[in-house]
Amino acid sequence: MSLLFSPLTLRETTFRNRLWVAPMCQYSAASEGPAVGAPNDWHLVHLAQFASGGAGLVIAEATGVVPEGRISPQCPGLWNDTQRDAWRTVVDAIHHRGSLAGIQLAHAGRKASTWWPFSGHDGSVAAGDGGWTTVAPSPVAYEGLAEPVALDADGIAAVVDAFRAAARRALDAGFDVLEIHGAHGYLIHQFLSPLSNTRDDQWGGSLENRARLVLDIVRAVRAEAGDAVPLLVRFSASDAAPGGLEPEDVAAVSRWAMEAGADLIDVSSAGLVAHQQLTVGPGYQVPFASRVRELADAPVSAVGIITSGTQAEQILQEGHADVILAAREWLRDPHFGLRAAAELGEDPADLWPPQYWRAHRAPAR
């Protein structure tokens, strides 16, 4: 059997394969009314189709743990029970199609309250248009966005508790896996990087201090989830900007996160500053995953323009990662898992839904 379609066990959960769906923002939740922040039919169909397509794990998009933690007013949340119940419907659909369900818990910090990509606008959403005042470790704005308010000690404690409470609701909704979003320039990443964290208290200065927030969150979520549930943490392995985080820094934080209760590090990169310099191409983030895996001695996932089963298998065979996460390729082909299995000559019995079995073998040409 290929590595890509071999099972993986984290804690008490076994994944049917190692080709997973990365979180992808859809900007499609209600922005007002009693169902604000709740997923809807779009999310149901969008996520369930990947389970039919053979994914081992489907991770729902960045989900705000508080209203002001959403990237945009159109993003989903998990700060109330109405949202929890709506997510349960999505989770049930993923399970019914044979995959496990995960959710990425997030707080966007200074990159919150922004216009969604297809709104026709750029920058921060004003209060009159449904936006809000953002928060961050320091009053340092992301280029082109409104200046945030620096969190005080009580505000930081409230963020930790919000992640814990959202984790509880996610588990009650039936999610099998939790992921903490510490990448792409959002709040946890803002605390981690010296480019956005200029504090001189216990949450600023040294790497240990800047990592305090994410480690407190990992411990809180692990305590809420118990010993059985897998917990992932996504980090940007490099800020791709002078003076910012490098893989060696993130590997150290990854080791601490594993000690605090994480099970796998989801390695991405960048997103913190507008002046980042990142060369993009097939598999461009795999070297970051490989370096963090080596230095942290931790299981990792790799992302970044991974578009075929053979490419994914090679990444695993060469020891760069333990899991493959893909995003846009699943959008182009919601049956990416079925195609990748065929490329590798695999025929996992549990991969093809019985409703699709008549198409299991391509006709002879």
Protein backbone atom coordinates (compact mmCIF):
# COMPACT_ATOMS: atom_id res chain seq x y z
CA MET A 1 0.00 0.00 0.00
CA SER A 2 1.12 3.55 -0.70
CA LEU A 3 1.89 5.80 2.25
CA LEU A 4 -0.75 8.25 1.06
CA PHE A 5 -3.49 5.65 1.41
CA SER A 6 -2.18 3.96 4.52
CA PRO A 7 -4.06 4.70 7.75
CA LEU A 8 -2.75 7.06 10.41
CA THR A 9 -3.66 6.98 14.08
CA LEU A 10 -3.48 10.03 16.37
CA ARG A 11 -4.49 9.31 19.94
CA GLU A 12 -7.67 7.20 19.66
CA THR A 13 -8.61 8.29 16.14
CA THR A 14 -7.61 6.39 12.98
CA PHE A 15 -7.79 8.21 9.63
CA ARG A 16 -8.49 6.07 6.58
CA ASN A 17 -5.75 7.83 4.60
CA ARG A 18 -3.31 10.74 4.73
CA LEU A 19 -4.84 12.93 2.02
CA TRP A 20 -6.81 15.58 3.88
CA VAL A 21 -8.79 18.70 3.02
CA ALA A 22 -7.24 21.91 4.31
CA PRO A 23 -9.46 24.66 5.77
CA MET A 24 -10.71 27.02 3.07
CA CYS A 25 -12.54 30.27 3.82
CA GLN A 26 -15.86 30.49 2.00
CA TYR A 27 -17.14 33.89 3.24
CA SER A 28 -20.68 32.52 3.02
CA ALA A 29 -22.14 32.55 6.54
CA ALA A 30 -24.92 34.91 7.58
CA SER A 31 -23.57 38.29 8.71
CA GLU A 32 -26.62 39.36 10.71
CA GLY A 33 -29.77 38.05 12.34
CA PRO A 34 -30.27 35.09 14.69
CA ALA A 35 -28.13 32.77 12.52
CA VAL A 36 -25.13 35.12 12.29
CA GLY A 37 -21.94 33.10 11.94
CA ALA A 38 -23.77 29.81 11.40
CA PRO A 39 -22.89 27.52 8.49
CA ASN A 40 -25.62 26.86 5.94
CA ASP A 41 -26.41 24.74 2.89
CA TRP A 42 -23.35 26.08 1.07
CA HIS A 43 -21.04 24.74 3.77
CA LEU A 44 -22.93 21.46 3.92
CA VAL A 45 -22.51 20.69 0.23
CA HIS A 46 -19.04 22.21 -0.02
CA LEU A 47 -17.58 20.08 2.78
CA ALA A 48 -19.57 16.86 2.34
CA GLN A 49 -18.52 16.52 -1.30
CA PHE A 50 -14.88 16.07 -0.26
CA ALA A 51 -15.83 13.15 1.97
CA SER A 52 -17.53 11.52 -1.03
CA GLY A 53 -14.32 12.22 -2.94
CA GLY A 54 -12.15 10.13 -0.66
CA ALA A 55 -10.65 12.54 1.89
CA GLY A 56 -9.35 11.05 5.11
CA LEU A 57 -10.18 14.22 7.04
CA VAL A 58 -12.23 17.26 6.03
CA ILE A 59 -11.29 20.37 8.05
CA ALA A 60 -13.84 23.18 8.11
CA GLU A 61 -12.65 26.71 7.54
CA ALA A 62 -11.29 29.25 10.03
CA THR A 63 -14.13 29.64 12.51
CA GLY A 64 -14.23 32.59 14.88
CA VAL A 65 -14.20 31.75 18.58
CA VAL A 66 -15.72 35.20 19.26
CA PRO A 67 -17.63 37.59 16.97
CA GLU A 68 -14.66 39.95 16.69
CA GLY A 69 -12.41 37.01 15.77
CA ARG A 70 -13.98 36.52 12.35
CA ILE A 71 -11.92 37.44 9.31
CA SER A 72 -15.00 39.04 7.76
CA PRO A 73 -18.64 39.56 8.75
CA GLN A 74 -19.43 36.67 6.34
CA CYS A 75 -17.25 34.14 8.19
CA PRO A 76 -18.59 31.40 10.47
CA GLY A 77 -18.28 31.22 14.22
CA LEU A 78 -18.65 28.86 17.13
CA TRP A 79 -19.39 31.16 20.06
CA ASN A 80 -23.02 30.13 20.57
CA ASP A 81 -25.24 27.06 20.53
CA THR A 82 -27.12 28.03 17.36
CA GLN A 83 -23.84 27.81 15.48
CA ARG A 84 -23.00 24.53 17.23
CA ASP A 85 -26.26 22.97 16.10
CA ALA A 86 -25.79 24.16 12.52
CA TRP A 87 -22.30 22.66 12.45
CA ARG A 88 -23.71 19.34 13.67
CA THR A 89 -25.66 18.98 10.43
CA VAL A 90 -22.46 19.50 8.42
CA VAL A 91 -20.52 17.03 10.55
CA ASP A 92 -23.20 14.37 10.17
CA ALA A 93 -23.04 14.72 6.37
CA ILE A 94 -19.24 14.29 6.37
CA HIS A 95 -19.48 11.23 8.61
CA HIS A 96 -22.23 9.70 6.48
CA ARG A 97 -19.89 9.87 3.49
CA GLY A 98 -17.07 8.04 5.22
CA SER A 99 -14.67 10.77 6.33
CA LEU A 100 -13.71 12.30 9.64
CA ALA A 101 -14.53 15.94 10.37
CA GLY A 102 -12.24 18.61 11.78
CA ILE A 103 -12.64 22.31 12.46
CA GLN A 104 -10.12 25.13 12.57
CA LEU A 105 -10.70 27.39 15.58
CA ALA A 106 -9.47 30.90 14.92
CA HIS A 107 -9.18 34.53 15.94
CA ALA A 108 -8.13 36.92 13.20
CA GLY A 109 -6.87 39.70 15.50
CA ARG A 110 -5.80 42.77 13.51
CA LYS A 111 -6.77 41.03 10.24
CA ALA A 112 -10.43 40.72 11.31
CA SER A 113 -13.37 42.85 10.15
CA THR A 114 -12.20 42.87 6.52
CA TRP A 115 -14.21 42.85 3.33
CA TRP A 116 -14.62 39.39 1.84
CA PRO A 117 -12.79 38.82 -1.48
CA PHE A 118 -15.84 38.99 -3.78
CA SER A 119 -17.47 41.98 -2.04
CA GLY A 120 -16.07 44.53 -4.48
CA HIS A 121 -14.32 46.36 -1.61
CA ASP A 122 -10.89 46.25 0.07
CA GLY A 123 -9.62 47.00 3.54
CA SER A 124 -11.42 47.08 6.86
CA VAL A 125 -15.20 47.03 7.17
CA ALA A 126 -16.45 50.13 9.00
CA ALA A 127 -18.79 49.78 11.97
CA GLY A 128 -21.64 51.23 9.92
CA ASP A 129 -21.22 48.43 7.39
CA GLY A 130 -21.20 45.67 9.99
CA GLY A 131 -17.54 45.83 11.03
CA TRP A 132 -15.93 46.23 14.44
CA THR A 133 -12.79 47.39 16.27
CA THR A 134 -10.04 44.79 16.01
CA VAL A 135 -7.58 43.63 18.66
CA ALA A 136 -3.95 42.55 18.56
CA PRO A 137 -0.91 42.14 20.81
CA SER A 138 0.17 45.68 19.95
CA PRO A 139 -1.46 48.71 18.25
CA VAL A 140 0.35 47.92 14.99
CA ALA A 141 -1.90 47.77 11.92
CA TYR A 142 -1.60 45.40 9.00
CA GLU A 143 -0.91 47.49 5.92
CA GLY A 144 -4.16 48.87 4.53
CA LEU A 145 -6.27 47.88 7.55
CA ALA A 146 -7.49 49.79 10.59
CA GLU A 147 -5.26 50.12 13.65
CA PRO A 148 -6.11 47.52 16.31
CA VAL A 149 -6.43 47.94 20.06
CA ALA A 150 -3.81 46.14 22.15
CA LEU A 151 -5.23 43.38 24.34
CA ASP A 152 -4.71 43.73 28.10
CA ALA A 153 -4.25 40.80 30.48
CA ASP A 154 -7.99 40.30 30.93
CA GLY A 155 -8.51 40.39 27.18
CA ILE A 156 -5.83 37.76 26.62
CA ALA A 157 -7.38 35.53 29.28
CA ALA A 158 -10.76 35.94 27.58
CA VAL A 159 -9.27 34.82 24.26
CA VAL A 160 -7.91 31.64 25.85
CA ASP A 161 -11.28 30.91 27.41
CA ALA A 162 -13.05 31.57 24.09
CA PHE A 163 -10.91 28.92 22.39
CA ARG A 164 -11.73 26.50 25.19
CA ALA A 165 -15.47 27.18 24.94
CA ALA A 166 -15.44 26.88 21.14
CA ALA A 167 -13.61 23.56 21.44
CA ARG A 168 -16.37 22.30 23.72
CA ARG A 169 -19.05 23.31 21.23
CA ALA A 170 -17.09 21.72 18.38
CA LEU A 171 -16.91 18.42 20.23
CA ASP A 172 -20.61 18.62 21.10
CA ALA A 173 -21.30 19.15 17.38
CA GLY A 174 -19.51 15.88 16.65
CA PHE A 175 -16.18 17.06 15.26
CA ASP A 176 -13.49 14.37 15.50
CA VAL A 177 -10.47 16.67 15.27
CA LEU A 178 -9.69 20.19 16.47
CA GLU A 179 -7.18 22.56 14.91
CA ILE A 180 -5.89 25.79 16.45
CA HIS A 181 -5.08 28.43 13.83
CA GLY A 182 -1.72 29.98 14.66
CA ALA A 183 -0.71 30.95 11.11
CA HIS A 184 -1.34 33.38 8.24
CA GLY A 185 -1.00 36.56 10.26
CA TYR A 186 -3.96 36.01 12.56
CA LEU A 187 -3.99 36.70 16.30
CA ILE A 188 -1.80 33.83 17.55
CA HIS A 189 0.70 34.47 14.77
CA GLN A 190 0.63 38.17 15.64
CA PHE A 191 1.70 37.31 19.17
CA LEU A 192 4.42 34.93 17.92
CA SER A 193 6.14 37.30 15.52
CA PRO A 194 8.38 40.20 16.61
CA LEU A 195 7.16 42.09 13.54
CA SER A 196 3.70 42.48 15.08
CA ASN A 197 4.35 41.97 18.80
CA THR A 198 6.16 44.92 20.37
CA ARG A 199 5.04 44.24 23.95
CA ASP A 200 7.48 44.43 26.87
CA ASP A 201 5.45 42.33 29.32
CA GLN A 202 5.11 38.56 29.81
CA TRP A 203 3.57 38.18 26.32
CA GLY A 204 6.35 40.03 24.48
CA GLY A 205 10.09 40.09 23.99
CA SER A 206 11.52 36.58 24.03
CA LEU A 207 10.20 33.75 21.90
CA GLU A 208 9.06 32.01 25.08
CA ASN A 209 6.98 35.03 26.04
CA ARG A 210 5.57 35.51 22.54
CA ALA A 211 4.55 31.82 22.50
CA ARG A 212 2.74 32.09 25.84
CA LEU A 213 -0.68 32.71 24.24
CA VAL A 214 -0.65 29.74 21.89
CA LEU A 215 0.63 27.39 24.59
CA ASP A 216 -2.06 28.55 27.01
CA ILE A 217 -4.64 27.93 24.29
CA VAL A 218 -3.28 24.45 23.52
CA ARG A 219 -3.39 23.52 27.20
CA ALA A 220 -6.92 24.88 27.62
CA VAL A 221 -8.24 23.08 24.54
CA ARG A 222 -6.51 19.85 25.51
CA ALA A 223 -8.01 20.01 29.00
CA GLU A 224 -11.47 20.56 27.51
CA ALA A 225 -11.08 17.84 24.88
CA GLY A 226 -9.66 15.16 27.16
CA ASP A 227 -7.07 12.59 26.16
CA ALA A 228 -8.75 10.98 23.14
CA VAL A 229 -9.28 13.81 20.63
CA PRO A 230 -6.50 14.71 18.15
CA LEU A 231 -5.38 18.34 18.30
CA LEU A 232 -3.57 20.03 15.41
CA VAL A 233 -1.88 23.42 15.43
CA ARG A 234 -1.25 25.37 12.23
CA PHE A 235 1.83 27.58 12.16
CA SER A 236 3.41 29.79 9.51
CA ALA A 237 6.97 28.47 9.46
CA SER A 238 8.35 31.73 8.10
CA ASP A 239 7.20 35.34 7.91
CA ALA A 240 9.13 35.65 4.62
CA ALA A 241 10.25 39.09 5.76
CA PRO A 242 13.42 40.43 7.42
CA GLY A 243 13.35 40.21 11.21
CA GLY A 244 10.39 37.85 11.25
CA LEU A 245 9.88 34.25 12.26
CA GLU A 246 12.06 31.56 10.71
CA PRO A 247 11.60 27.74 10.70
CA GLU A 248 13.96 27.36 13.66
CA ASP A 249 11.73 29.60 15.78
CA VAL A 250 8.56 27.80 14.75
CA ALA A 251 10.15 24.39 15.33
CA ALA A 252 10.90 25.42 18.91
CA VAL A 253 7.31 26.58 19.44
CA SER A 254 6.09 23.36 17.81
CA ARG A 255 8.03 21.29 20.35
CA TRP A 256 6.47 23.26 23.17
CA ALA A 257 3.03 22.87 21.63
CA MET A 258 3.49 19.10 21.42
CA GLU A 259 4.49 19.04 25.08
CA ALA A 260 1.37 21.09 25.90
CA GLY A 261 -0.95 18.60 24.21
CA ALA A 262 -0.82 19.00 20.41
CA ASP A 263 -0.54 15.90 18.20
CA LEU A 264 0.44 17.21 14.76
CA ILE A 265 1.82 20.48 13.40
CA ASP A 266 0.13 21.81 10.26
CA VAL A 267 2.93 23.73 8.55
CA SER A 268 2.15 26.67 6.30
CA SER A 269 3.93 30.01 5.87
CA ALA A 270 3.64 33.79 5.68
CA GLY A 271 0.55 35.99 5.87
CA LEU A 272 1.75 38.34 8.61
CA VAL A 273 2.91 41.37 6.63
CA ALA A 274 2.13 42.80 3.22
CA HIS A 275 5.81 43.14 2.29
CA GLN A 276 6.52 39.40 2.50
CA GLN A 277 8.64 37.88 -0.26
CA LEU A 278 7.60 34.30 -1.02
CA THR A 279 8.31 32.30 -4.16
CA VAL A 280 5.26 30.24 -5.05
CA GLY A 281 5.32 27.03 -7.08
CA PRO A 282 4.45 23.33 -6.89
CA GLY A 283 5.14 22.03 -3.39
CA TYR A 284 6.63 25.38 -2.35
CA GLN A 285 5.80 24.94 1.34
CA VAL A 286 7.02 21.35 1.64
CA PRO A 287 10.59 22.40 2.63
CA PHE A 288 9.12 24.33 5.58
CA ALA A 289 7.22 21.23 6.73
CA SER A 290 10.31 19.08 6.32
CA ARG A 291 12.47 21.47 8.36
CA VAL A 292 9.95 21.77 11.20
CA ARG A 293 9.50 17.97 11.24
CA GLU A 294 13.25 17.51 11.52
CA LEU A 295 13.92 20.14 14.18
CA ALA A 296 10.81 19.61 16.29
CA ASP A 297 10.78 15.80 15.98
CA ALA A 298 7.02 16.05 15.53
CA PRO A 299 4.55 14.73 12.97
CA VAL A 300 3.64 17.40 10.43
CA SER A 301 1.38 18.01 7.46
CA ALA A 302 2.54 19.62 4.23
CA VAL A 303 0.56 22.02 2.03
CA GLY A 304 1.20 24.24 -0.97
CA ILE A 305 0.19 23.45 -4.57
CA ILE A 306 0.07 19.68 -4.18
CA THR A 307 -2.00 18.55 -7.15
CA SER A 308 -1.51 14.83 -7.80
CA GLY A 309 -1.33 11.53 -6.01
CA THR A 310 2.19 10.85 -7.25
CA GLN A 311 3.45 14.22 -5.99
CA ALA A 312 1.80 13.67 -2.60
CA GLU A 313 3.18 10.15 -2.32
CA GLN A 314 6.70 11.33 -3.12
CA ILE A 315 6.54 13.94 -0.35
CA LEU A 316 5.62 11.24 2.16
CA GLN A 317 8.10 8.68 0.83
CA GLU A 318 10.95 11.18 1.10
CA GLY A 319 10.09 11.83 4.74
CA HIS A 320 9.13 15.48 4.40
CA ALA A 321 5.73 15.07 6.06
CA ASP A 322 3.33 12.59 7.62
CA VAL A 323 0.13 13.96 6.08
CA ILE A 324 -0.80 15.86 2.92
CA LEU A 325 -3.24 18.76 3.14
CA ALA A 326 -4.60 20.22 -0.09
CA ALA A 327 -7.08 23.00 -0.75
CA ARG A 328 -7.43 24.36 -4.28
CA GLU A 329 -6.97 20.94 -5.86
CA TRP A 330 -10.03 19.73 -3.95
CA LEU A 331 -11.92 22.75 -5.31
CA ARG A 332 -10.89 21.89 -8.86
CA ASP A 333 -11.70 18.23 -8.33
CA PRO A 334 -13.87 17.29 -5.32
CA HIS A 335 -12.96 13.65 -6.08
CA PHE A 336 -9.23 14.31 -5.77
CA GLY A 337 -8.92 11.40 -3.34
CA LEU A 338 -10.45 8.93 -5.80
CA ARG A 339 -8.22 10.23 -8.60
CA ALA A 340 -5.09 10.11 -6.46
CA ALA A 341 -5.83 6.52 -5.49
CA ALA A 342 -6.20 5.55 -9.14
CA GLU A 343 -2.91 7.28 -9.99
CA LEU A 344 -1.15 5.19 -7.36
CA GLY A 345 -2.83 1.95 -8.35
CA GLU A 346 -4.73 1.82 -5.07
CA ASP A 347 -8.22 0.45 -4.61
CA PRO A 348 -9.19 1.11 -0.98
CA ALA A 349 -12.45 -0.67 -0.30
CA ASP A 350 -13.87 2.14 1.81
CA LEU A 351 -13.02 5.00 -0.55
CA TRP A 352 -15.68 4.82 -3.27
CA PRO A 353 -19.23 5.53 -2.08
CA PRO A 354 -21.52 2.65 -3.10
CA GLN A 355 -23.67 5.14 -4.99
CA TYR A 356 -20.67 5.82 -7.26
CA TRP A 357 -19.51 2.23 -7.65
CA ARG A 358 -20.75 1.92 -11.25
CA ALA A 359 -18.08 4.50 -12.19
CA HIS A 360 -15.34 2.78 -10.21
CA ARG A 361 -13.62 1.39 -13.27
CA ALA A 362 -13.06 3.66 -16.26
CA PRO A 363 -14.33 2.17 -19.53
CA ALA A 364 -11.74 0.68 -21.88
CA ARG A 365 -10.77 2.97 -24.73
